[in-house]
Amino acid sequence: MGGHTPSTKRLGKVELVFSQQFSTLAEARKVERRLKMLKRKDYLEKIIRDGEVKMRP
């Protein structure tokens, strides 16, 4: 994985560090949108460490 798209080619290898199941696609997209808006690295590290997103969708 990684290196096939010009915008991500410089990143090299990609590693999946977090995955979570949601009951609906809409719920998953809401949480994804909120995760992408997070600016503090410590919030993201806590989510990865805990193994789940504790946000209201």
PDB file of N, CA and C in Angstrom:
ATOM      1  N   MET A   1       0.832  -1.187   0.000  1.00  0.00           N
ATOM      2  CA  MET A   1       0.000   0.000   0.000  1.00  0.00           C
ATOM      3  C   MET A   1       0.874   1.247   0.000  1.00  0.00           C
ATOM      4  N   GLY A   2       0.328   2.322  -0.488  1.00  0.00           N
ATOM      5  CA  GLY A   2       1.031   3.589  -0.494  1.00  0.00           C
ATOM      6  C   GLY A   2       1.908   3.747  -1.717  1.00  0.00           C
ATOM      7  N   GLY A   3       2.032   4.987  -2.174  1.00  0.00           N
ATOM      8  CA  GLY A   3       2.932   5.270  -3.270  1.00  0.00           C
ATOM      9  C   GLY A   3       2.318   5.217  -4.645  1.00  0.00           C
ATOM     10  N   HIS A   4       1.031   4.934  -4.755  1.00  0.00           N
ATOM     11  CA  HIS A   4       0.399   4.845  -6.063  1.00  0.00           C
ATOM     12  C   HIS A   4      -0.252   6.159  -6.496  1.00  0.00           C
ATOM     13  N   THR A   5      -0.611   6.993  -5.547  1.00  0.00           N
ATOM     14  CA  THR A   5      -1.238   8.268  -5.834  1.00  0.00           C
ATOM     15  C   THR A   5      -0.189   9.369  -5.640  1.00  0.00           C
ATOM     16  N   PRO A   6      -0.059  10.289  -6.600  1.00  0.00           N
ATOM     17  CA  PRO A   6       0.974  11.321  -6.481  1.00  0.00           C
ATOM     18  C   PRO A   6       0.930  12.105  -5.160  1.00  0.00           C
ATOM     19  N   SER A   7      -0.258  12.370  -4.646  1.00  0.00           N
ATOM     20  CA  SER A   7      -0.351  13.166  -3.425  1.00  0.00           C
ATOM     21  C   SER A   7       0.108  12.406  -2.184  1.00  0.00           C
ATOM     22  N   THR A   8       0.116  11.073  -2.218  1.00  0.00           N
ATOM     23  CA  THR A   8       0.545  10.277  -1.063  1.00  0.00           C
ATOM     24  C   THR A   8       1.847   9.529  -1.305  1.00  0.00           C
ATOM     25  N   LYS A   9       2.417   9.660  -2.483  1.00  0.00           N
ATOM     26  CA  LYS A   9       3.626   8.918  -2.830  1.00  0.00           C
ATOM     27  C   LYS A   9       4.780   9.233  -1.875  1.00  0.00           C
ATOM     28  N   ARG A  10       4.903  10.462  -1.471  1.00  0.00           N
ATOM     29  CA  ARG A  10       6.006  10.860  -0.593  1.00  0.00           C
ATOM     30  C   ARG A  10       5.885  10.269   0.812  1.00  0.00           C
ATOM     31  N   LEU A  11       4.692   9.792   1.192  1.00  0.00           N
ATOM     32  CA  LEU A  11       4.478   9.249   2.532  1.00  0.00           C
ATOM     33  C   LEU A  11       5.070   7.863   2.716  1.00  0.00           C
ATOM     34  N   GLY A  12       5.294   7.147   1.638  1.00  0.00           N
ATOM     35  CA  GLY A  12       5.865   5.806   1.733  1.00  0.00           C
ATOM     36  C   GLY A  12       4.835   4.788   2.186  1.00  0.00           C
ATOM     37  N   LYS A  13       5.264   3.822   2.998  1.00  0.00           N
ATOM     38  CA  LYS A  13       4.388   2.754   3.468  1.00  0.00           C
ATOM     39  C   LYS A  13       3.302   3.315   4.384  1.00  0.00           C
ATOM     40  N   VAL A  14       2.103   2.743   4.283  1.00  0.00           N
ATOM     41  CA  VAL A  14       0.981   3.150   5.108  1.00  0.00           C
ATOM     42  C   VAL A  14       0.644   2.000   6.048  1.00  0.00           C
ATOM     43  N   GLU A  15       0.385   2.321   7.319  1.00  0.00           N
ATOM     44  CA  GLU A  15       0.063   1.298   8.306  1.00  0.00           C
ATOM     45  C   GLU A  15      -1.274   1.635   8.950  1.00  0.00           C
ATOM     46  N   LEU A  16      -2.183   0.677   8.992  1.00  0.00           N
ATOM     47  CA  LEU A  16      -3.470   0.857   9.644  1.00  0.00           C
ATOM     48  C   LEU A  16      -3.265   0.777  11.150  1.00  0.00           C
ATOM     49  N   VAL A  17      -3.610   1.841  11.878  1.00  0.00           N
ATOM     50  CA  VAL A  17      -3.416   1.860  13.324  1.00  0.00           C
ATOM     51  C   VAL A  17      -4.729   1.859  14.089  1.00  0.00           C
ATOM     52  N   PHE A  18      -5.852   2.045  13.390  1.00  0.00           N
ATOM     53  CA  PHE A  18      -7.136   2.094  14.075  1.00  0.00           C
ATOM     54  C   PHE A  18      -8.242   1.676  13.120  1.00  0.00           C
ATOM     55  N   SER A  19      -9.198   0.922  13.646  1.00  0.00           N
ATOM     56  CA  SER A  19     -10.366   0.528  12.883  1.00  0.00           C
ATOM     57  C   SER A  19     -11.515   0.302  13.856  1.00  0.00           C
ATOM     58  N   GLN A  20     -12.708   0.714  13.487  1.00  0.00           N
ATOM     59  CA  GLN A  20     -13.873   0.531  14.346  1.00  0.00           C
ATOM     60  C   GLN A  20     -15.101   0.291  13.480  1.00  0.00           C
ATOM     61  N   GLN A  21     -15.977  -0.592  13.911  1.00  0.00           N
ATOM     62  CA  GLN A  21     -17.206  -0.907  13.196  1.00  0.00           C
ATOM     63  C   GLN A  21     -18.327   0.043  13.646  1.00  0.00           C
ATOM     64  N   PHE A  22     -19.182   0.430  12.707  1.00  0.00           N
ATOM     65  CA  PHE A  22     -20.355   1.245  13.002  1.00  0.00           C
ATOM     66  C   PHE A  22     -21.579   0.571  12.398  1.00  0.00           C
ATOM     67  N   SER A  23     -22.740   0.861  12.968  1.00  0.00           N
ATOM     68  CA  SER A  23     -23.957   0.194  12.510  1.00  0.00           C
ATOM     69  C   SER A  23     -24.437   0.714  11.157  1.00  0.00           C
ATOM     70  N   THR A  24     -24.133   1.979  10.840  1.00  0.00           N
ATOM     71  CA  THR A  24     -24.542   2.536   9.555  1.00  0.00           C
ATOM     72  C   THR A  24     -23.386   3.296   8.919  1.00  0.00           C
ATOM     73  N   LEU A  25     -23.440   3.423   7.619  1.00  0.00           N
ATOM     74  CA  LEU A  25     -22.437   4.193   6.895  1.00  0.00           C
ATOM     75  C   LEU A  25     -22.508   5.666   7.285  1.00  0.00           C
ATOM     76  N   ALA A  26     -23.708   6.180   7.487  1.00  0.00           N
ATOM     77  CA  ALA A  26     -23.879   7.589   7.872  1.00  0.00           C
ATOM     78  C   ALA A  26     -23.201   7.874   9.214  1.00  0.00           C
ATOM     79  N   GLU A  27     -23.356   6.968  10.171  1.00  0.00           N
ATOM     80  CA  GLU A  27     -22.729   7.134  11.486  1.00  0.00           C
ATOM     81  C   GLU A  27     -21.203   7.120  11.352  1.00  0.00           C
ATOM     82  N   ALA A  28     -20.688   6.210  10.568  1.00  0.00           N
ATOM     83  CA  ALA A  28     -19.246   6.121  10.348  1.00  0.00           C
ATOM     84  C   ALA A  28     -18.707   7.395   9.701  1.00  0.00           C
ATOM     85  N   ARG A  29     -19.430   7.928   8.743  1.00  0.00           N
ATOM     86  CA  ARG A  29     -18.973   9.151   8.063  1.00  0.00           C
ATOM     87  C   ARG A  29     -18.999  10.365   8.987  1.00  0.00           C
ATOM     88  N   LYS A  30     -19.997  10.432   9.882  1.00  0.00           N
ATOM     89  CA  LYS A  30     -20.050  11.539  10.848  1.00  0.00           C
ATOM     90  C   LYS A  30     -18.836  11.507  11.768  1.00  0.00           C
ATOM     91  N   VAL A  31     -18.512  10.321  12.279  1.00  0.00           N
ATOM     92  CA  VAL A  31     -17.366  10.185  13.170  1.00  0.00           C
ATOM     93  C   VAL A  31     -16.073  10.472  12.409  1.00  0.00           C
ATOM     94  N   GLU A  32     -15.958   9.976  11.178  1.00  0.00           N
ATOM     95  CA  GLU A  32     -14.768  10.240  10.369  1.00  0.00           C
ATOM     96  C   GLU A  32     -14.575  11.740  10.149  1.00  0.00           C
ATOM     97  N   ARG A  33     -15.645  12.442   9.862  1.00  0.00           N
ATOM     98  CA  ARG A  33     -15.562  13.889   9.656  1.00  0.00           C
ATOM     99  C   ARG A  33     -15.052  14.584  10.920  1.00  0.00           C
ATOM    100  N   ARG A  34     -15.548  14.160  12.074  1.00  0.00           N
ATOM    101  CA  ARG A  34     -15.098  14.762  13.337  1.00  0.00           C
ATOM    102  C   ARG A  34     -13.634  14.442  13.621  1.00  0.00           C
ATOM    103  N   LEU A  35     -13.228  13.207  13.335  1.00  0.00           N
ATOM    104  CA  LEU A  35     -11.825  12.840  13.541  1.00  0.00           C
ATOM    105  C   LEU A  35     -10.901  13.681  12.671  1.00  0.00           C
ATOM    106  N   LYS A  36     -11.297  13.916  11.427  1.00  0.00           N
ATOM    107  CA  LYS A  36     -10.462  14.693  10.514  1.00  0.00           C
ATOM    108  C   LYS A  36     -10.343  16.153  10.939  1.00  0.00           C
ATOM    109  N   MET A  37     -11.299  16.633  11.732  1.00  0.00           N
ATOM    110  CA  MET A  37     -11.255  18.020  12.194  1.00  0.00           C
ATOM    111  C   MET A  37     -10.432  18.190  13.473  1.00  0.00           C
ATOM    112  N   LEU A  38     -10.078  17.077  14.135  1.00  0.00           N
ATOM    113  CA  LEU A  38      -9.288  17.173  15.361  1.00  0.00           C
ATOM    114  C   LEU A  38      -7.908  17.740  15.055  1.00  0.00           C
ATOM    115  N   LYS A  39      -7.470  18.665  15.855  1.00  0.00           N
ATOM    116  CA  LYS A  39      -6.171  19.291  15.633  1.00  0.00           C
ATOM    117  C   LYS A  39      -5.129  18.805  16.634  1.00  0.00           C
ATOM    118  N   ARG A  40      -5.575  18.355  17.811  1.00  0.00           N
ATOM    119  CA  ARG A  40      -4.623  17.968  18.842  1.00  0.00           C
ATOM    120  C   ARG A  40      -4.211  16.515  18.683  1.00  0.00           C
ATOM    121  N   LYS A  41      -2.927  16.313  18.550  1.00  0.00           N
ATOM    122  CA  LYS A  41      -2.372  14.976  18.356  1.00  0.00           C
ATOM    123  C   LYS A  41      -2.673  14.070  19.545  1.00  0.00           C
ATOM    124  N   ASP A  42      -2.717  14.646  20.772  1.00  0.00           N
ATOM    125  CA  ASP A  42      -2.960  13.814  21.947  1.00  0.00           C
ATOM    126  C   ASP A  42      -4.364  13.200  21.935  1.00  0.00           C
ATOM    127  N   TYR A  43      -5.348  13.872  21.346  1.00  0.00           N
ATOM    128  CA  TYR A  43      -6.687  13.291  21.222  1.00  0.00           C
ATOM    129  C   TYR A  43      -6.646  12.054  20.333  1.00  0.00           C
ATOM    130  N   LEU A  44      -5.968  12.175  19.195  1.00  0.00           N
ATOM    131  CA  LEU A  44      -5.863  11.051  18.270  1.00  0.00           C
ATOM    132  C   LEU A  44      -5.082   9.894  18.892  1.00  0.00           C
ATOM    133  N   GLU A  45      -4.009  10.199  19.614  1.00  0.00           N
ATOM    134  CA  GLU A  45      -3.233   9.147  20.270  1.00  0.00           C
ATOM    135  C   GLU A  45      -4.073   8.413  21.312  1.00  0.00           C
ATOM    136  N   LYS A  46      -4.927   9.139  22.044  1.00  0.00           N
ATOM    137  CA  LYS A  46      -5.797   8.520  23.050  1.00  0.00           C
ATOM    138  C   LYS A  46      -6.816   7.599  22.377  1.00  0.00           C
ATOM    139  N   ILE A  47      -7.377   8.017  21.266  1.00  0.00           N
ATOM    140  CA  ILE A  47      -8.337   7.188  20.534  1.00  0.00           C
ATOM    141  C   ILE A  47      -7.666   5.893  20.076  1.00  0.00           C
ATOM    142  N   ILE A  48      -6.459   5.995  19.553  1.00  0.00           N
ATOM    143  CA  ILE A  48      -5.728   4.813  19.103  1.00  0.00           C
ATOM    144  C   ILE A  48      -5.401   3.916  20.291  1.00  0.00           C
ATOM    145  N   ARG A  49      -4.959   4.504  21.392  1.00  0.00           N
ATOM    146  CA  ARG A  49      -4.601   3.736  22.589  1.00  0.00           C
ATOM    147  C   ARG A  49      -5.819   3.023  23.179  1.00  0.00           C
ATOM    148  N   ASP A  50      -6.968   3.716  23.254  1.00  0.00           N
ATOM    149  CA  ASP A  50      -8.193   3.140  23.821  1.00  0.00           C
ATOM    150  C   ASP A  50      -8.839   2.123  22.890  1.00  0.00           C
ATOM    151  N   GLY A  51      -8.581   2.248  21.589  1.00  0.00           N
ATOM    152  CA  GLY A  51      -9.125   1.305  20.625  1.00  0.00           C
ATOM    153  C   GLY A  51     -10.551   1.591  20.205  1.00  0.00           C
ATOM    154  N   GLU A  52     -11.079   2.759  20.562  1.00  0.00           N
ATOM    155  CA  GLU A  52     -12.424   3.129  20.123  1.00  0.00           C
ATOM    156  C   GLU A  52     -12.611   4.635  20.190  1.00  0.00           C
ATOM    157  N   VAL A  53     -13.535   5.118  19.370  1.00  0.00           N
ATOM    158  CA  VAL A  53     -13.886   6.535  19.349  1.00  0.00           C
ATOM    159  C   VAL A  53     -14.998   6.717  20.360  1.00  0.00           C
ATOM    160  N   LYS A  54     -14.806   7.631  21.293  1.00  0.00           N
ATOM    161  CA  LYS A  54     -15.832   7.887  22.310  1.00  0.00           C
ATOM    162  C   LYS A  54     -16.471   9.235  22.044  1.00  0.00           C
ATOM    163  N   MET A  55     -16.952   9.410  20.816  1.00  0.00           N
ATOM    164  CA  MET A  55     -17.658  10.631  20.402  1.00  0.00           C
ATOM    165  C   MET A  55     -19.098  10.274  20.120  1.00  0.00           C
ATOM    166  N   ARG A  56     -19.955  11.202  20.360  1.00  0.00           N
ATOM    167  CA  ARG A  56     -21.337  10.992  19.939  1.00  0.00           C
ATOM    168  C   ARG A  56     -21.410  11.225  18.441  1.00  0.00           C
ATOM    169  N   PRO A  57     -21.971  10.294  17.701  1.00  0.00           N
ATOM    170  CA  PRO A  57     -22.060  10.463  16.234  1.00  0.00           C
ATOM    171  C   PRO A  57     -22.963  11.611  15.819  1.00  0.00           C
TER     172      PRO A  57
END
